PDB file of N, CA and C in Angstrom:
ATOM      1  N   UNK A   1      51.264 137.597 110.891  1.00  0.00           N
ATOM      2  CA  UNK A   1      51.699 139.318 110.633  1.00  0.00           C
ATOM      3  C   UNK A   1      50.843 140.125 111.987  1.00  0.00           C
ATOM      4  N   UNK A   2      52.698 141.061 112.025  1.00  0.00           N
ATOM      5  CA  UNK A   2      52.848 141.514 113.521  1.00  0.00           C
ATOM      6  C   UNK A   2      52.079 143.110 112.833  1.00  0.00           C
ATOM      7  N   UNK A   3      51.450 143.741 114.061  1.00  0.00           N
ATOM      8  CA  UNK A   3      51.028 145.026 114.031  1.00  0.00           C
ATOM      9  C   UNK A   3      51.713 145.999 114.610  1.00  0.00           C
ATOM     10  N   UNK A   4      52.748 146.427 114.404  1.00  0.00           N
ATOM     11  CA  UNK A   4      53.426 147.573 115.596  1.00  0.00           C
ATOM     12  C   UNK A   4      52.803 148.578 115.454  1.00  0.00           C
ATOM     13  N   UNK A   5      52.820 149.920 116.979  1.00  0.00           N
ATOM     14  CA  UNK A   5      52.618 150.838 116.841  1.00  0.00           C
ATOM     15  C   UNK A   5      53.755 151.566 117.293  1.00  0.00           C
ATOM     16  N   UNK A   6      54.330 152.533 116.352  1.00  0.00           N
ATOM     17  CA  UNK A   6      55.642 153.253 117.107  1.00  0.00           C
ATOM     18  C   UNK A   6      55.192 154.545 117.606  1.00  0.00           C
ATOM     19  N   UNK A   7      55.539 154.611 118.700  1.00  0.00           N
ATOM     20  CA  UNK A   7      55.206 155.675 119.450  1.00  0.00           C
ATOM     21  C   UNK A   7      56.690 156.913 119.808  1.00  0.00           C
ATOM     22  N   UNK A   8      56.822 157.671 119.593  1.00  0.00           N
ATOM     23  CA  UNK A   8      57.389 158.691 119.971  1.00  0.00           C
ATOM     24  C   UNK A   8      57.179 159.676 120.201  1.00  0.00           C
ATOM     25  N   UNK A   9      58.220 160.641 121.448  1.00  0.00           N
ATOM     26  CA  UNK A   9      57.618 161.323 122.342  1.00  0.00           C
ATOM     27  C   UNK A   9      58.238 162.671 122.380  1.00  0.00           C
ATOM     28  N   UNK A  10      59.001 163.005 121.914  1.00  0.00           N
ATOM     29  CA  UNK A  10      59.969 163.997 122.013  1.00  0.00           C
ATOM     30  C   UNK A  10      59.623 165.419 121.151  1.00  0.00           C
ATOM     31  N   UNK A  11      59.643 166.432 122.226  1.00  0.00           N
ATOM     32  CA  UNK A  11      59.543 167.251 120.599  1.00  0.00           C
ATOM     33  C   UNK A  11      60.609 167.824 119.833  1.00  0.00           C
ATOM     34  N   UNK A  12      62.177 167.221 120.302  1.00  0.00           N
ATOM     35  CA  UNK A  12      63.016 167.482 119.359  1.00  0.00           C
ATOM     36  C   UNK A  12      63.353 167.146 117.723  1.00  0.00           C
ATOM     37  N   UNK A  13      62.234 165.939 117.619  1.00  0.00           N
ATOM     38  CA  UNK A  13      61.619 165.627 116.438  1.00  0.00           C
ATOM     39  C   UNK A  13      62.953 164.737 115.732  1.00  0.00           C
ATOM     40  N   UNK A  14      63.708 165.283 114.597  1.00  0.00           N
ATOM     41  CA  UNK A  14      64.292 164.356 113.520  1.00  0.00           C
ATOM     42  C   UNK A  14      65.970 164.693 114.509  1.00  0.00           C
ATOM     43  N   UNK A  15      65.783 165.615 115.381  1.00  0.00           N
ATOM     44  CA  UNK A  15      67.140 166.091 116.575  1.00  0.00           C
ATOM     45  C   UNK A  15      67.012 164.927 117.702  1.00  0.00           C
ATOM     46  N   UNK A  16      66.336 163.764 118.209  1.00  0.00           N
ATOM     47  CA  UNK A  16      65.719 162.988 118.923  1.00  0.00           C
ATOM     48  C   UNK A  16      66.787 161.957 119.015  1.00  0.00           C
ATOM     49  N   UNK A  17      67.567 161.647 119.459  1.00  0.00           N
ATOM     50  CA  UNK A  17      68.340 160.367 119.492  1.00  0.00           C
ATOM     51  C   UNK A  17      67.356 159.140 119.706  1.00  0.00           C
ATOM     52  N   UNK A  18      66.416 159.307 120.446  1.00  0.00           N
ATOM     53  CA  UNK A  18      65.379 157.974 120.520  1.00  0.00           C
ATOM     54  C   UNK A  18      64.518 158.001 119.535  1.00  0.00           C
ATOM     55  N   UNK A  19      64.726 159.740 118.798  1.00  0.00           N
ATOM     56  CA  UNK A  19      63.383 159.140 117.642  1.00  0.00           C
ATOM     57  C   UNK A  19      64.328 158.167 116.052  1.00  0.00           C
ATOM     58  N   UNK A  20      65.458 158.813 116.784  1.00  0.00           N
ATOM     59  CA  UNK A  20      66.390 158.635 115.386  1.00  0.00           C
ATOM     60  C   UNK A  20      66.634 156.988 115.740  1.00  0.00           C
ATOM     61  N   UNK A  21      66.721 156.821 117.197  1.00  0.00           N
ATOM     62  CA  UNK A  21      66.718 154.953 117.069  1.00  0.00           C
ATOM     63  C   UNK A  21      65.278 154.247 116.728  1.00  0.00           C
ATOM     64  N   UNK A  22      64.540 154.313 117.176  1.00  0.00           N
ATOM     65  CA  UNK A  22      62.824 154.014 116.795  1.00  0.00           C
ATOM     66  C   UNK A  22      62.921 153.922 115.236  1.00  0.00           C
ATOM     67  N   UNK A  23      63.394 154.867 114.627  1.00  0.00           N
ATOM     68  CA  UNK A  23      63.315 155.286 113.021  1.00  0.00           C
ATOM     69  C   UNK A  23      63.787 153.853 112.442  1.00  0.00           C
ATOM     70  N   UNK A  24      64.902 154.308 113.046  1.00  0.00           N
ATOM     71  CA  UNK A  24      66.134 152.528 112.606  1.00  0.00           C
ATOM     72  C   UNK A  24      65.753 151.537 112.951  1.00  0.00           C
ATOM     73  N   UNK A  25      65.012 151.127 114.229  1.00  0.00           N
ATOM     74  CA  UNK A  25      64.834 150.168 114.326  1.00  0.00           C
ATOM     75  C   UNK A  25      63.437 149.550 113.596  1.00  0.00           C
ATOM     76  N   UNK A  26      62.426 150.710 113.400  1.00  0.00           N
ATOM     77  CA  UNK A  26      61.303 150.210 112.544  1.00  0.00           C
ATOM     78  C   UNK A  26      61.675 150.175 111.412  1.00  0.00           C
ATOM     79  N   UNK A  27      62.890 150.746 110.492  1.00  0.00           N
ATOM     80  CA  UNK A  27      63.387 150.123 109.176  1.00  0.00           C
ATOM     81  C   UNK A  27      63.857 149.055 109.205  1.00  0.00           C
ATOM     82  N   UNK A  28      64.393 148.536 110.206  1.00  0.00           N
ATOM     83  CA  UNK A  28      64.976 147.179 110.370  1.00  0.00           C
ATOM     84  C   UNK A  28      64.035 145.740 110.105  1.00  0.00           C
ATOM     85  N   UNK A  29      63.192 146.514 111.348  1.00  0.00           N
ATOM     86  CA  UNK A  29      62.422 145.501 111.591  1.00  0.00           C
ATOM     87  C   UNK A  29      61.496 145.149 110.110  1.00  0.00           C
ATOM     88  N   UNK A  30      60.992 146.391 109.473  1.00  0.00           N
ATOM     89  CA  UNK A  30      60.345 146.346 108.045  1.00  0.00           C
ATOM     90  C   UNK A  30      61.252 145.190 106.918  1.00  0.00           C
ATOM     91  N   UNK A  31      62.628 145.462 107.124  1.00  0.00           N
ATOM     92  CA  UNK A  31      62.693 144.717 106.064  1.00  0.00           C
ATOM     93  C   UNK A  31      62.932 142.947 106.469  1.00  0.00           C
ATOM     94  N   UNK A  32      63.118 142.970 107.407  1.00  0.00           N
ATOM     95  CA  UNK A  32      62.939 141.567 108.142  1.00  0.00           C
ATOM     96  C   UNK A  32      61.776 141.107 108.089  1.00  0.00           C
ATOM     97  N   UNK A  33      60.835 142.005 108.528  1.00  0.00           N
ATOM     98  CA  UNK A  33      59.032 141.379 108.239  1.00  0.00           C
ATOM     99  C   UNK A  33      58.605 142.043 107.424  1.00  0.00           C
ATOM    100  N   UNK A  34      58.396 142.158 105.629  1.00  0.00           N
ATOM    101  CA  UNK A  34      57.763 143.052 104.928  1.00  0.00           C
ATOM    102  C   UNK A  34      56.618 142.831 104.897  1.00  0.00           C
ATOM    103  N   UNK A  35      55.941 141.852 106.173  1.00  0.00           N
ATOM    104  CA  UNK A  35      54.499 141.776 105.856  1.00  0.00           C
ATOM    105  C   UNK A  35      53.775 142.729 106.965  1.00  0.00           C
ATOM    106  N   UNK A  36      54.741 142.632 107.662  1.00  0.00           N
ATOM    107  CA  UNK A  36      54.039 143.455 109.182  1.00  0.00           C
ATOM    108  C   UNK A  36      53.285 144.766 108.747  1.00  0.00           C
ATOM    109  N   UNK A  37      52.683 145.146 109.268  1.00  0.00           N
ATOM    110  CA  UNK A  37      52.271 146.929 109.446  1.00  0.00           C
ATOM    111  C   UNK A  37      52.868 147.731 110.932  1.00  0.00           C
ATOM    112  N   UNK A  38      52.993 149.271 110.561  1.00  0.00           N
ATOM    113  CA  UNK A  38      53.589 149.990 111.388  1.00  0.00           C
ATOM    114  C   UNK A  38      52.862 151.123 111.695  1.00  0.00           C
ATOM    115  N   UNK A  39      51.744 151.109 112.282  1.00  0.00           N
ATOM    116  CA  UNK A  39      51.607 152.950 112.548  1.00  0.00           C
ATOM    117  C   UNK A  39      52.114 153.666 113.560  1.00  0.00           C
ATOM    118  N   UNK A  40      52.242 154.925 112.990  1.00  0.00           N
ATOM    119  CA  UNK A  40      53.509 155.555 113.491  1.00  0.00           C
ATOM    120  C   UNK A  40      52.580 156.887 114.381  1.00  0.00           C
ATOM    121  N   UNK A  41      52.672 157.355 115.918  1.00  0.00           N
ATOM    122  CA  UNK A  41      52.024 158.023 116.439  1.00  0.00           C
ATOM    123  C   UNK A  41      53.087 159.413 116.893  1.00  0.00           C
ATOM    124  N   UNK A  42      53.058 160.191 116.453  1.00  0.00           N
ATOM    125  CA  UNK A  42      54.337 161.322 117.585  1.00  0.00           C
ATOM    126  C   UNK A  42      53.582 161.871 118.723  1.00  0.00           C
ATOM    127  N   UNK A  43      53.651 161.479 119.911  1.00  0.00           N
ATOM    128  CA  UNK A  43      52.953 161.879 120.948  1.00  0.00           C
ATOM    129  C   UNK A  43      54.127 163.482 121.810  1.00  0.00           C
ATOM    130  N   UNK A  44      55.086 163.805 121.252  1.00  0.00           N
ATOM    131  CA  UNK A  44      55.973 164.864 121.514  1.00  0.00           C
ATOM    132  C   UNK A  44      54.771 166.479 120.599  1.00  0.00           C
ATOM    133  N   UNK A  45      54.658 166.124 119.377  1.00  0.00           N
ATOM    134  CA  UNK A  45      53.733 167.077 118.608  1.00  0.00           C
ATOM    135  C   UNK A  45      51.740 166.964 118.894  1.00  0.00           C
ATOM    136  N   UNK A  46      52.111 165.680 118.656  1.00  0.00           N
ATOM    137  CA  UNK A  46      50.241 165.269 118.899  1.00  0.00           C
ATOM    138  C   UNK A  46      49.722 164.612 120.184  1.00  0.00           C
ATOM    139  N   UNK A  47      50.257 165.423 121.268  1.00  0.00           N
ATOM    140  CA  UNK A  47      50.073 164.808 123.010  1.00  0.00           C
ATOM    141  C   UNK A  47      48.545 164.000 122.923  1.00  0.00           C
ATOM    142  N   UNK A  48      48.299 163.426 124.372  1.00  0.00           N
ATOM    143  CA  UNK A  48      47.279 162.613 124.072  1.00  0.00           C
ATOM    144  C   UNK A  48      46.291 163.353 125.292  1.00  0.00           C
ATOM    145  N   UNK A  49      45.321 163.651 125.034  1.00  0.00           N
ATOM    146  CA  UNK A  49      44.218 164.542 125.805  1.00  0.00           C
ATOM    147  C   UNK A  49      44.321 164.228 126.446  1.00  0.00           C
ATOM    148  N   UNK A  50      44.497 165.344 127.792  1.00  0.00           N
ATOM    149  CA  UNK A  50      44.410 165.093 129.143  1.00  0.00           C
ATOM    150  C   UNK A  50      42.959 164.469 129.685  1.00  0.00           C
ATOM    151  N   UNK A  51      42.636 163.929 130.862  1.00  0.00           N
ATOM    152  CA  UNK A  51      42.037 163.168 131.520  1.00  0.00           C
ATOM    153  C   UNK A  51      41.246 164.424 132.359  1.00  0.00           C
ATOM    154  N   UNK A  52      40.385 165.150 132.020  1.00  0.00           N
ATOM    155  CA  UNK A  52      40.089 166.367 132.852  1.00  0.00           C
ATOM    156  C   UNK A  52      38.680 166.453 133.285  1.00  0.00           C
ATOM    157  N   UNK A  53      38.202 167.642 133.914  1.00  0.00           N
ATOM    158  CA  UNK A  53      36.812 167.929 134.140  1.00  0.00           C
ATOM    159  C   UNK A  53      35.895 167.682 132.979  1.00  0.00           C
ATOM    160  N   UNK A  54      36.034 168.065 132.070  1.00  0.00           N
ATOM    161  CA  UNK A  54      35.327 168.372 130.808  1.00  0.00           C
ATOM    162  C   UNK A  54      35.205 166.999 130.054  1.00  0.00           C
ATOM    163  N   UNK A  55      36.497 165.670 129.921  1.00  0.00           N
ATOM    164  CA  UNK A  55      36.308 165.003 129.664  1.00  0.00           C
ATOM    165  C   UNK A  55      35.419 163.774 130.707  1.00  0.00           C
ATOM    166  N   UNK A  56      35.414 164.242 131.943  1.00  0.00           N
ATOM    167  CA  UNK A  56      35.006 162.816 132.739  1.00  0.00           C
ATOM    168  C   UNK A  56      33.156 163.475 132.618  1.00  0.00           C
ATOM    169  N   UNK A  57      32.853 164.602 133.063  1.00  0.00           N
ATOM    170  CA  UNK A  57      31.556 165.349 132.428  1.00  0.00           C
ATOM    171  C   UNK A  57      31.128 164.442 131.156  1.00  0.00           C
ATOM    172  N   UNK A  58      31.757 164.395 130.340  1.00  0.00           N
ATOM    173  CA  UNK A  58      31.229 163.842 128.300  1.00  0.00           C
ATOM    174  C   UNK A  58      31.104 162.326 128.728  1.00  0.00           C
ATOM    175  N   UNK A  59      32.485 161.840 129.274  1.00  0.00           N
ATOM    176  CA  UNK A  59      32.694 160.291 129.418  1.00  0.00           C
ATOM    177  C   UNK A  59      31.130 159.661 130.350  1.00  0.00           C
ATOM    178  N   UNK A  60      30.647 160.582 131.122  1.00  0.00           N
ATOM    179  CA  UNK A  60      29.786 160.161 132.051  1.00  0.00           C
ATOM    180  C   UNK A  60      28.376 160.386 131.744  1.00  0.00           C
ATOM    181  N   UNK A  61      27.795 160.802 130.924  1.00  0.00           N
ATOM    182  CA  UNK A  61      26.938 161.280 130.585  1.00  0.00           C
ATOM    183  C   UNK A  61      26.755 160.994 129.101  1.00  0.00           C
ATOM    184  N   UNK A  62      25.071 160.770 128.726  1.00  0.00           N
ATOM    185  CA  UNK A  62      24.308 160.027 127.432  1.00  0.00           C
ATOM    186  C   UNK A  62      25.384 160.919 125.939  1.00  0.00           C
ATOM    187  N   UNK A  63      25.636 160.227 125.209  1.00  0.00           N
ATOM    188  CA  UNK A  63      25.747 160.756 124.303  1.00  0.00           C
ATOM    189  C   UNK A  63      25.037 161.667 123.543  1.00  0.00           C
ATOM    190  N   UNK A  64      23.690 161.252 123.587  1.00  0.00           N
ATOM    191  CA  UNK A  64      22.631 162.181 122.634  1.00  0.00           C
ATOM    192  C   UNK A  64      22.563 163.055 124.007  1.00  0.00           C
ATOM    193  N   UNK A  65      23.338 163.618 125.119  1.00  0.00           N
ATOM    194  CA  UNK A  65      23.183 164.584 125.599  1.00  0.00           C
ATOM    195  C   UNK A  65      24.100 165.481 125.764  1.00  0.00           C
ATOM    196  N   UNK A  66      25.222 164.902 124.810  1.00  0.00           N
ATOM    197  CA  UNK A  66      26.212 165.973 125.060  1.00  0.00           C
ATOM    198  C   UNK A  66      26.671 167.296 124.164  1.00  0.00           C
ATOM    199  N   UNK A  67      26.986 168.437 124.948  1.00  0.00           N
ATOM    200  CA  UNK A  67      27.195 169.660 124.411  1.00  0.00           C
ATOM    201  C   UNK A  67      28.189 169.677 123.186  1.00  0.00           C
ATOM    202  N   UNK A  68      28.727 170.472 121.890  1.00  0.00           N
ATOM    203  CA  UNK A  68      29.063 170.075 121.075  1.00  0.00           C
ATOM    204  C   UNK A  68      30.762 169.949 121.714  1.00  0.00           C
ATOM    205  N   UNK A  69      31.161 170.661 122.249  1.00  0.00           N
ATOM    206  CA  UNK A  69      32.625 170.641 122.907  1.00  0.00           C
ATOM    207  C   UNK A  69      32.740 169.290 123.725  1.00  0.00           C
ATOM    208  N   UNK A  70      31.750 168.973 124.645  1.00  0.00           N
ATOM    209  CA  UNK A  70      31.764 167.317 125.040  1.00  0.00           C
ATOM    210  C   UNK A  70      31.921 166.410 123.572  1.00  0.00           C
ATOM    211  N   UNK A  71      31.322 166.391 122.921  1.00  0.00           N
ATOM    212  CA  UNK A  71      31.634 165.503 121.850  1.00  0.00           C
ATOM    213  C   UNK A  71      32.964 165.486 121.721  1.00  0.00           C
ATOM    214  N   UNK A  72      33.018 166.642 121.295  1.00  0.00           N
ATOM    215  CA  UNK A  72      34.984 166.869 120.630  1.00  0.00           C
ATOM    216  C   UNK A  72      35.687 166.207 121.597  1.00  0.00           C
ATOM    217  N   UNK A  73      35.506 166.562 122.878  1.00  0.00           N
ATOM    218  CA  UNK A  73      36.326 166.287 123.428  1.00  0.00           C
ATOM    219  C   UNK A  73      36.581 164.547 123.544  1.00  0.00           C
ATOM    220  N   UNK A  74      35.181 163.706 123.427  1.00  0.00           N
ATOM    221  CA  UNK A  74      35.181 162.331 123.206  1.00  0.00           C
ATOM    222  C   UNK A  74      35.812 161.537 122.217  1.00  0.00           C
ATOM    223  N   UNK A  75      35.501 162.394 121.064  1.00  0.00           N
ATOM    224  CA  UNK A  75      35.778 162.452 119.583  1.00  0.00           C
ATOM    225  C   UNK A  75      37.543 162.360 119.337  1.00  0.00           C
ATOM    226  N   UNK A  76      38.093 163.611 119.981  1.00  0.00           N
ATOM    227  CA  UNK A  76      39.826 163.580 120.166  1.00  0.00           C
ATOM    228  C   UNK A  76      40.403 162.057 121.042  1.00  0.00           C
ATOM    229  N   UNK A  77      39.381 162.175 122.211  1.00  0.00           N
ATOM    230  CA  UNK A  77      40.169 160.996 123.313  1.00  0.00           C
ATOM    231  C   UNK A  77      39.978 159.703 122.565  1.00  0.00           C
ATOM    232  N   UNK A  78      38.810 159.440 121.754  1.00  0.00           N
ATOM    233  CA  UNK A  78      38.650 158.055 121.100  1.00  0.00           C
ATOM    234  C   UNK A  78      39.516 157.566 120.288  1.00  0.00           C
ATOM    235  N   UNK A  79      39.987 159.033 119.572  1.00  0.00           N
ATOM    236  CA  UNK A  79      40.653 158.597 118.234  1.00  0.00           C
ATOM    237  C   UNK A  79      42.271 157.693 118.591  1.00  0.00           C
ATOM    238  N   UNK A  80      42.637 158.655 119.819  1.00  0.00           N
ATOM    239  CA  UNK A  80      43.906 158.250 120.736  1.00  0.00           C
ATOM    240  C   UNK A  80      43.940 156.686 121.037  1.00  0.00           C
ATOM    241  N   UNK A  81      42.590 156.257 121.620  1.00  0.00           N
ATOM    242  CA  UNK A  81      42.179 154.900 122.131  1.00  0.00           C
ATOM    243  C   UNK A  81      42.163 153.719 120.926  1.00  0.00           C
ATOM    244  N   UNK A  82      41.683 154.231 120.422  1.00  0.00           N
ATOM    245  CA  UNK A  82      41.456 153.459 118.852  1.00  0.00           C
ATOM    246  C   UNK A  82      42.758 153.286 118.202  1.00  0.00           C
ATOM    247  N   UNK A  83      43.514 154.215 118.197  1.00  0.00           N
ATOM    248  CA  UNK A  83      44.985 154.075 117.460  1.00  0.00           C
ATOM    249  C   UNK A  83      45.730 153.223 117.947  1.00  0.00           C
ATOM    250  N   UNK A  84      45.949 152.914 119.596  1.00  0.00           N
ATOM    251  CA  UNK A  84      46.316 152.737 120.260  1.00  0.00           C
ATOM    252  C   UNK A  84      46.054 150.892 120.058  1.00  0.00           C
ATOM    253  N   UNK A  85      44.451 150.550 120.332  1.00  0.00           N
ATOM    254  CA  UNK A  85      44.194 149.318 120.207  1.00  0.00           C
ATOM    255  C   UNK A  85      44.406 148.850 119.108  1.00  0.00           C
ATOM    256  N   UNK A  86      44.743 149.446 118.013  1.00  0.00           N
ATOM    257  CA  UNK A  86      45.121 149.012 116.373  1.00  0.00           C
ATOM    258  C   UNK A  86      46.630 148.507 116.621  1.00  0.00           C
ATOM    259  N   UNK A  87      47.202 149.243 117.504  1.00  0.00           N
ATOM    260  CA  UNK A  87      48.852 149.045 117.667  1.00  0.00           C
ATOM    261  C   UNK A  87      49.042 147.634 117.975  1.00  0.00           C
TER     262      UNK A  87
END
């Protein structure tokens, strides 16, 4: 069984040709491979968090010493990484 991660990155949503094509591809794939799973990630509307100075400060400090905003930064970044690794 295959597990696929479908990524769309257009801000145009349904008006985007690339989003329409990826949607059609996945629909056809599911028909041909009904036991496979697909996770969907819309990077156009839910972008990957930036690796910036607050992220670096949080990543290179002990989790038990994180300020609330550092913990939130790491959580949001880890959620994206976990989604990618599942796909």
